[in-house]
Protein backbone atom coordinates (compact mmCIF):
# COMPACT_ATOMS: atom_id res chain seq x y z
CA UNK A 1 -4.07 -4.87 9.76
CA UNK A 2 -3.49 -1.49 8.10
CA UNK A 3 -5.78 1.43 8.92
CA UNK A 4 -5.99 3.46 5.70
CA UNK A 5 -8.51 5.96 7.00
CA UNK A 6 -12.01 6.59 5.75
CA UNK A 7 -13.03 5.49 2.29
CA UNK A 8 -15.57 7.65 0.51
CA UNK A 9 -17.51 6.66 -2.59
CA UNK A 10 -15.39 7.58 -5.59
CA UNK A 11 -12.27 8.30 -3.51
CA UNK A 12 -9.66 5.62 -4.28
CA UNK A 13 -7.00 4.44 -1.87
CA UNK A 14 -3.91 2.57 -2.96
CA UNK A 15 -1.68 0.33 -0.90
CA UNK A 16 1.58 -0.73 -2.51
CA UNK A 17 3.09 -3.94 -1.22
CA UNK A 18 6.49 -4.77 -2.71
CA UNK A 19 6.57 -8.53 -3.07
CA UNK A 20 7.88 -11.36 -5.18
CA UNK A 21 5.00 -13.09 -6.91
CA UNK A 22 5.51 -16.82 -7.47
CA UNK A 23 5.16 -18.25 -10.96
CA UNK A 24 2.03 -20.15 -11.81
CA UNK A 25 -1.66 -19.38 -11.63
CA UNK A 26 -2.41 -19.89 -7.94
CA UNK A 27 -3.66 -16.90 -5.92
CA UNK A 28 -0.83 -15.09 -4.12
CA UNK A 29 -2.58 -12.37 -2.11
CA UNK A 30 -5.88 -11.82 -0.32
CA UNK A 31 -6.96 -8.33 0.74
CA UNK A 32 -9.81 -7.92 3.23
CA UNK A 33 -11.51 -4.61 4.02
CA UNK A 34 -13.50 -4.40 7.25
CA UNK A 35 -15.87 -1.51 7.83
CA UNK A 36 -18.73 -0.61 10.19
CA UNK A 37 -22.17 -0.01 8.72
CA UNK A 38 -25.64 -0.04 10.22
CA UNK A 39 -24.24 -1.04 13.60
CA UNK A 40 -22.48 -4.14 12.25
CA UNK A 41 -19.02 -4.99 10.96
CA UNK A 42 -18.81 -5.93 7.27
CA UNK A 43 -15.97 -7.57 5.32
CA UNK A 44 -15.12 -7.40 1.64
CA UNK A 45 -12.28 -9.44 0.20
CA UNK A 46 -10.47 -9.85 -3.09
CA UNK A 47 -7.95 -12.46 -4.19
CA UNK A 48 -4.88 -11.47 -6.21
CA UNK A 49 -4.11 -13.96 -8.95
CA UNK A 50 -3.47 -11.67 -11.94
CA UNK A 51 0.15 -11.44 -13.02
CA UNK A 52 -0.21 -8.59 -15.51
CA UNK A 53 1.59 -5.30 -14.84
CA UNK A 54 -0.02 -2.11 -16.10
CA UNK A 55 0.83 1.59 -16.04
CA UNK A 56 -1.16 2.18 -12.84
CA UNK A 57 0.83 -0.51 -11.01
CA UNK A 58 4.15 0.92 -12.18
CA UNK A 59 3.18 4.47 -11.17
CA UNK A 60 2.02 3.29 -7.72
CA UNK A 61 5.29 1.43 -7.23
CA UNK A 62 7.46 4.44 -8.11
CA UNK A 63 5.31 6.79 -6.04
CA UNK A 64 5.79 4.46 -3.06
CA UNK A 65 9.53 4.26 -3.72
CA UNK A 66 9.79 8.07 -3.84
CA UNK A 67 7.87 8.49 -0.59
CA UNK A 68 10.02 5.84 1.11
CA UNK A 69 13.23 7.60 0.02
CA UNK A 70 11.92 11.02 1.11
CA UNK A 71 10.96 9.67 4.54
CA UNK A 72 14.38 8.02 4.89
CA UNK A 73 16.07 11.39 4.34
CA UNK A 74 13.65 13.26 6.61
CA UNK A 75 14.24 10.78 9.44
CA UNK A 76 18.01 11.15 8.95
CA UNK A 77 17.93 14.89 9.71
CA UNK A 78 18.79 15.56 13.35
CA UNK A 79 17.38 18.38 15.48
CA UNK A 80 20.15 20.76 14.28
CA UNK A 81 19.12 20.33 10.65
CA UNK A 82 22.14 18.19 9.78
CA UNK A 83 22.06 14.78 8.11
CA UNK A 84 22.79 11.82 10.32
CA UNK A 85 23.05 8.68 8.14
CA UNK A 86 24.28 6.15 10.68
């Protein structure tokens, strides 16, 4: 489970999951969103079966890659401000 914080109407959230998608037409991913409403828990799900890459997918991938690299460098800085890539 991944807590992505509150979702507001019209406010998109993106989760990038690097993965190898198998050939064929079978579904390869199911995403389920669970949220409380009116005192009950509700679930929405979607199945990933589309194998078409578009500009939005590519941008999300590179944005994720950039953030991952930046966090790697930030975590490598020790308390004295020096890099520690061990």
